[in-house]
């Protein structure tokens, strides 16, 4: 069974801080082939498409395209601010391994 990704309150707060909704943009989380582990995450600000899954909290939105959705089933999208930098992160229960930077993974 395919579960939609979860988005933390911290991630929505960061989207609000950067004014994504004010620009008509959403946080797009996609999965592409490539990276050192086989697949990689592509995280960007983009306008929602008609066939996207939209996860919203107030005016802030996170969108996932239909091709990426099975790879992100049950994943948690978060925002972290650590010594190594501030970034959106994905905790993906489907990933069997990932690279050290956390942007690529294998299933």
N, C-alpha and C. Protein backbone atom coordinates (compact mmCIF):
# COMPACT_ATOMS: atom_id res chain seq x y z
N UNK A 1 0.84 -1.18 0.00
CA UNK A 1 0.00 0.00 0.00
C UNK A 1 0.89 1.25 0.00
N UNK A 2 0.56 2.18 -0.84
CA UNK A 2 1.35 3.39 -0.99
C UNK A 2 0.84 4.47 -0.03
N UNK A 3 1.73 4.97 0.82
CA UNK A 3 1.39 6.03 1.76
C UNK A 3 1.95 7.35 1.26
N UNK A 4 1.23 8.44 1.42
CA UNK A 4 1.80 9.73 1.00
C UNK A 4 2.94 10.12 1.93
N UNK A 5 3.89 10.89 1.44
CA UNK A 5 4.95 11.38 2.32
C UNK A 5 4.36 12.28 3.40
N UNK A 6 5.05 12.35 4.53
CA UNK A 6 4.67 13.27 5.60
C UNK A 6 5.61 14.47 5.53
N UNK A 7 5.10 15.63 5.88
CA UNK A 7 5.91 16.85 5.90
C UNK A 7 5.86 17.40 7.32
N UNK A 8 7.02 17.66 7.90
CA UNK A 8 7.07 18.16 9.27
C UNK A 8 6.67 19.63 9.34
N UNK A 9 6.27 20.03 10.53
CA UNK A 9 5.93 21.43 10.76
C UNK A 9 7.14 22.33 10.51
N UNK A 10 8.33 21.83 10.86
CA UNK A 10 9.58 22.59 10.64
C UNK A 10 9.79 22.87 9.15
N UNK A 11 9.47 21.92 8.29
CA UNK A 11 9.61 22.12 6.84
C UNK A 11 8.62 23.18 6.35
N UNK A 12 7.37 23.09 6.82
CA UNK A 12 6.39 24.10 6.43
C UNK A 12 6.79 25.49 6.94
N UNK A 13 7.34 25.56 8.16
CA UNK A 13 7.79 26.85 8.70
C UNK A 13 8.88 27.45 7.83
N UNK A 14 9.81 26.63 7.36
CA UNK A 14 10.89 27.13 6.51
C UNK A 14 10.34 27.64 5.18
N UNK A 15 9.38 26.92 4.62
CA UNK A 15 8.75 27.39 3.37
C UNK A 15 8.10 28.75 3.58
N UNK A 16 7.47 28.93 4.73
CA UNK A 16 6.85 30.21 5.05
C UNK A 16 7.91 31.30 5.17
N UNK A 17 9.04 30.99 5.82
CA UNK A 17 10.12 31.97 6.00
C UNK A 17 10.69 32.45 4.67
N UNK A 18 10.80 31.54 3.71
CA UNK A 18 11.38 31.94 2.42
C UNK A 18 10.34 32.50 1.46
N UNK A 19 9.08 32.49 1.88
CA UNK A 19 8.02 33.11 1.08
C UNK A 19 7.67 32.35 -0.19
N UNK A 20 7.75 31.04 -0.15
CA UNK A 20 7.47 30.23 -1.35
C UNK A 20 6.05 30.47 -1.87
N UNK A 21 5.06 30.46 -0.97
CA UNK A 21 3.66 30.64 -1.41
C UNK A 21 3.44 32.03 -2.00
N UNK A 22 4.14 33.03 -1.45
CA UNK A 22 4.01 34.40 -1.96
C UNK A 22 4.48 34.49 -3.41
N UNK A 23 5.37 33.60 -3.80
CA UNK A 23 5.90 33.57 -5.16
C UNK A 23 5.09 32.62 -6.05
N UNK A 24 4.03 32.00 -5.51
CA UNK A 24 3.25 31.03 -6.27
C UNK A 24 3.99 29.71 -6.43
N UNK A 25 4.93 29.43 -5.54
CA UNK A 25 5.76 28.22 -5.64
C UNK A 25 5.46 27.26 -4.51
N UNK A 26 5.83 26.02 -4.73
CA UNK A 26 5.75 24.97 -3.73
C UNK A 26 7.11 24.29 -3.68
N UNK A 27 7.35 23.55 -2.61
CA UNK A 27 8.56 22.74 -2.53
C UNK A 27 8.30 21.47 -3.32
N UNK A 28 9.02 21.28 -4.41
CA UNK A 28 8.89 20.07 -5.23
C UNK A 28 9.94 19.07 -4.78
N UNK A 29 9.48 17.86 -4.44
CA UNK A 29 10.37 16.76 -4.08
C UNK A 29 10.18 15.69 -5.14
N UNK A 30 11.27 15.39 -5.85
CA UNK A 30 11.21 14.41 -6.94
C UNK A 30 12.35 13.41 -6.78
N UNK A 31 12.19 12.27 -7.42
CA UNK A 31 13.23 11.24 -7.44
C UNK A 31 13.65 11.06 -8.88
N UNK A 32 14.96 11.08 -9.11
CA UNK A 32 15.51 10.90 -10.46
C UNK A 32 16.55 9.79 -10.43
N UNK A 33 16.80 9.19 -11.57
CA UNK A 33 17.88 8.23 -11.69
C UNK A 33 19.21 8.95 -11.61
N UNK A 34 20.20 8.28 -11.04
CA UNK A 34 21.53 8.89 -10.95
C UNK A 34 22.00 8.94 -9.52
N UNK A 35 23.03 9.69 -9.30
CA UNK A 35 23.61 9.77 -7.96
C UNK A 35 24.50 8.57 -7.71
N UNK A 36 25.24 8.60 -6.65
CA UNK A 36 26.20 7.53 -6.38
C UNK A 36 25.54 6.25 -5.90
N UNK A 37 24.26 6.29 -5.52
CA UNK A 37 23.58 5.09 -5.02
C UNK A 37 22.48 4.59 -5.94
N UNK A 38 22.24 5.22 -7.08
CA UNK A 38 21.24 4.74 -8.02
C UNK A 38 20.10 5.70 -8.28
N UNK A 39 19.57 6.32 -7.23
CA UNK A 39 18.53 7.33 -7.35
C UNK A 39 18.99 8.55 -6.57
N UNK A 40 18.45 9.71 -6.94
CA UNK A 40 18.77 10.91 -6.19
C UNK A 40 17.53 11.77 -6.03
N UNK A 41 17.51 12.53 -4.96
CA UNK A 41 16.42 13.46 -4.70
C UNK A 41 16.69 14.76 -5.43
N UNK A 42 15.64 15.33 -5.98
CA UNK A 42 15.71 16.66 -6.57
C UNK A 42 14.71 17.52 -5.80
N UNK A 43 15.22 18.50 -5.07
CA UNK A 43 14.37 19.36 -4.25
C UNK A 43 14.50 20.77 -4.78
N UNK A 44 13.36 21.36 -5.14
CA UNK A 44 13.40 22.70 -5.73
C UNK A 44 12.09 23.43 -5.42
N UNK A 45 12.08 24.73 -5.69
CA UNK A 45 10.84 25.50 -5.64
C UNK A 45 10.29 25.54 -7.05
N UNK A 46 9.01 25.18 -7.17
CA UNK A 46 8.41 25.07 -8.50
C UNK A 46 6.91 25.28 -8.37
N UNK A 47 6.27 25.64 -9.47
CA UNK A 47 4.82 25.76 -9.48
C UNK A 47 4.20 24.36 -9.52
N UNK A 48 3.14 24.12 -8.76
CA UNK A 48 2.49 22.81 -8.78
C UNK A 48 1.92 22.50 -10.17
N UNK A 49 2.00 21.22 -10.55
CA UNK A 49 1.39 20.75 -11.80
C UNK A 49 0.05 20.10 -11.46
N UNK A 50 -0.81 19.96 -12.45
CA UNK A 50 -2.16 19.44 -12.21
C UNK A 50 -2.17 18.00 -11.71
N UNK A 51 -1.16 17.21 -12.06
CA UNK A 51 -1.18 15.81 -11.63
C UNK A 51 -0.31 15.53 -10.40
N UNK A 52 0.21 16.58 -9.75
CA UNK A 52 1.02 16.42 -8.55
C UNK A 52 0.17 16.06 -7.34
N UNK A 53 0.76 15.30 -6.42
CA UNK A 53 0.19 15.16 -5.08
C UNK A 53 0.57 16.44 -4.35
N UNK A 54 -0.40 17.10 -3.75
CA UNK A 54 -0.16 18.35 -3.03
C UNK A 54 -0.41 18.11 -1.55
N UNK A 55 0.60 18.41 -0.73
CA UNK A 55 0.49 18.35 0.72
C UNK A 55 0.58 19.79 1.19
N UNK A 56 -0.48 20.28 1.84
CA UNK A 56 -0.53 21.70 2.18
C UNK A 56 -0.77 21.91 3.67
N UNK A 57 -0.21 22.99 4.15
CA UNK A 57 -0.50 23.50 5.49
C UNK A 57 -0.64 24.99 5.33
N UNK A 58 -1.86 25.48 5.40
CA UNK A 58 -2.11 26.88 5.10
C UNK A 58 -1.76 27.14 3.64
N UNK A 59 -1.08 28.25 3.37
CA UNK A 59 -0.73 28.54 1.98
C UNK A 59 0.51 27.78 1.49
N UNK A 60 1.26 27.17 2.41
CA UNK A 60 2.49 26.47 2.04
C UNK A 60 2.17 25.09 1.48
N UNK A 61 2.89 24.72 0.41
CA UNK A 61 2.64 23.43 -0.25
C UNK A 61 3.93 22.69 -0.55
N UNK A 62 3.83 21.37 -0.46
CA UNK A 62 4.88 20.46 -0.92
C UNK A 62 4.22 19.60 -1.98
N UNK A 63 4.89 19.44 -3.14
CA UNK A 63 4.31 18.67 -4.23
C UNK A 63 5.25 17.53 -4.64
N UNK A 64 4.62 16.42 -5.06
CA UNK A 64 5.36 15.25 -5.52
C UNK A 64 4.70 14.78 -6.81
N UNK A 65 5.50 14.58 -7.85
CA UNK A 65 4.95 14.12 -9.13
C UNK A 65 4.58 12.64 -9.04
N UNK A 66 3.67 12.16 -9.91
CA UNK A 66 3.19 10.77 -9.83
C UNK A 66 4.28 9.71 -10.03
N UNK A 67 5.32 10.01 -10.79
CA UNK A 67 6.40 9.03 -11.01
C UNK A 67 7.24 8.88 -9.74
N UNK A 68 7.47 9.96 -9.02
CA UNK A 68 8.29 9.92 -7.80
C UNK A 68 7.54 9.38 -6.60
N UNK A 69 6.23 9.46 -6.62
CA UNK A 69 5.43 9.10 -5.45
C UNK A 69 5.69 7.69 -4.90
N UNK A 70 5.78 6.65 -5.72
CA UNK A 70 6.04 5.32 -5.15
C UNK A 70 7.39 5.23 -4.42
N UNK A 71 8.38 5.98 -4.88
CA UNK A 71 9.70 5.97 -4.24
C UNK A 71 9.69 6.71 -2.89
N UNK A 72 8.69 7.58 -2.69
CA UNK A 72 8.62 8.39 -1.48
C UNK A 72 7.50 7.94 -0.54
N UNK A 73 6.92 6.78 -0.80
CA UNK A 73 5.82 6.27 0.02
C UNK A 73 6.27 6.15 1.48
N UNK A 74 5.56 6.83 2.37
CA UNK A 74 5.86 6.78 3.79
C UNK A 74 7.06 7.60 4.23
N UNK A 75 7.68 8.34 3.34
CA UNK A 75 8.86 9.14 3.67
C UNK A 75 8.45 10.37 4.51
N UNK A 76 9.42 10.93 5.21
CA UNK A 76 9.20 12.16 5.98
C UNK A 76 10.11 13.24 5.42
N UNK A 77 9.51 14.36 5.05
CA UNK A 77 10.24 15.51 4.52
C UNK A 77 10.38 16.52 5.66
N UNK A 78 11.61 16.91 5.95
CA UNK A 78 11.90 17.76 7.10
C UNK A 78 12.87 18.87 6.68
N UNK A 79 13.12 19.78 7.58
CA UNK A 79 14.13 20.81 7.38
C UNK A 79 15.06 20.77 8.57
N UNK A 80 16.36 20.73 8.31
CA UNK A 80 17.35 20.71 9.39
C UNK A 80 18.30 21.89 9.24
N UNK A 81 18.75 22.39 10.37
CA UNK A 81 19.71 23.48 10.40
C UNK A 81 20.81 23.05 11.36
N UNK A 82 21.91 22.56 10.79
CA UNK A 82 23.01 22.00 11.57
C UNK A 82 24.31 22.70 11.20
N UNK A 83 25.38 22.30 11.87
CA UNK A 83 26.69 22.88 11.57
C UNK A 83 27.09 22.70 10.12
N UNK A 84 26.70 21.57 9.52
CA UNK A 84 27.07 21.31 8.13
C UNK A 84 26.21 22.07 7.14
N UNK A 85 25.15 22.74 7.62
CA UNK A 85 24.31 23.55 6.76
C UNK A 85 22.84 23.34 7.02
N UNK A 86 22.05 24.19 6.44
CA UNK A 86 20.60 24.12 6.55
C UNK A 86 20.06 23.57 5.24
N UNK A 87 19.13 22.59 5.34
CA UNK A 87 18.60 21.99 4.11
C UNK A 87 17.34 21.19 4.41
N UNK A 88 16.58 20.95 3.35
CA UNK A 88 15.46 20.03 3.44
C UNK A 88 16.03 18.62 3.37
N UNK A 89 15.50 17.72 4.20
CA UNK A 89 15.97 16.35 4.23
C UNK A 89 14.81 15.39 4.04
N UNK A 90 15.14 14.16 3.65
CA UNK A 90 14.12 13.13 3.44
C UNK A 90 14.55 11.88 4.19
N UNK A 91 13.68 11.42 5.08
CA UNK A 91 13.87 10.15 5.76
C UNK A 91 12.97 9.16 5.03
N UNK A 92 13.60 8.29 4.23
CA UNK A 92 12.86 7.42 3.33
C UNK A 92 12.95 5.96 3.80
N UNK A 93 11.83 5.37 4.27
CA UNK A 93 11.86 3.99 4.72
C UNK A 93 12.07 2.98 3.59
N UNK A 94 11.93 3.41 2.34
CA UNK A 94 12.10 2.53 1.19
C UNK A 94 13.57 2.38 0.78
N UNK A 95 14.42 3.29 1.25
CA UNK A 95 15.84 3.27 0.86
C UNK A 95 16.56 2.16 1.63
N UNK A 96 17.26 1.30 0.89
CA UNK A 96 18.03 0.26 1.53
C UNK A 96 19.45 0.71 1.84
N UNK A 97 19.91 1.74 1.14
CA UNK A 97 21.21 2.34 1.42
C UNK A 97 21.19 3.76 0.87
N UNK A 98 22.09 4.58 1.39
CA UNK A 98 22.20 5.94 0.89
C UNK A 98 23.65 6.38 0.96
N UNK A 99 23.94 7.47 0.25
CA UNK A 99 25.31 7.98 0.26
C UNK A 99 25.51 8.83 1.52
N UNK A 100 26.71 9.24 1.75
CA UNK A 100 27.03 10.01 2.94
C UNK A 100 26.33 11.35 3.02
N UNK A 101 26.08 11.97 1.90
CA UNK A 101 25.45 13.30 1.93
C UNK A 101 23.93 13.22 2.04
N UNK A 102 23.35 12.03 1.84
CA UNK A 102 21.92 11.85 1.98
C UNK A 102 21.08 12.28 0.80
N UNK A 103 21.71 12.61 -0.32
CA UNK A 103 20.93 13.03 -1.48
C UNK A 103 20.70 11.92 -2.49
N UNK A 104 21.41 10.79 -2.35
CA UNK A 104 21.14 9.67 -3.26
C UNK A 104 20.92 8.42 -2.43
N UNK A 105 20.21 7.47 -3.03
CA UNK A 105 19.81 6.27 -2.31
C UNK A 105 19.56 5.13 -3.28
N UNK A 106 19.45 3.94 -2.75
CA UNK A 106 19.05 2.78 -3.56
C UNK A 106 17.89 2.08 -2.88
N UNK A 107 17.15 1.33 -3.69
CA UNK A 107 15.98 0.60 -3.18
C UNK A 107 16.21 -0.88 -3.38
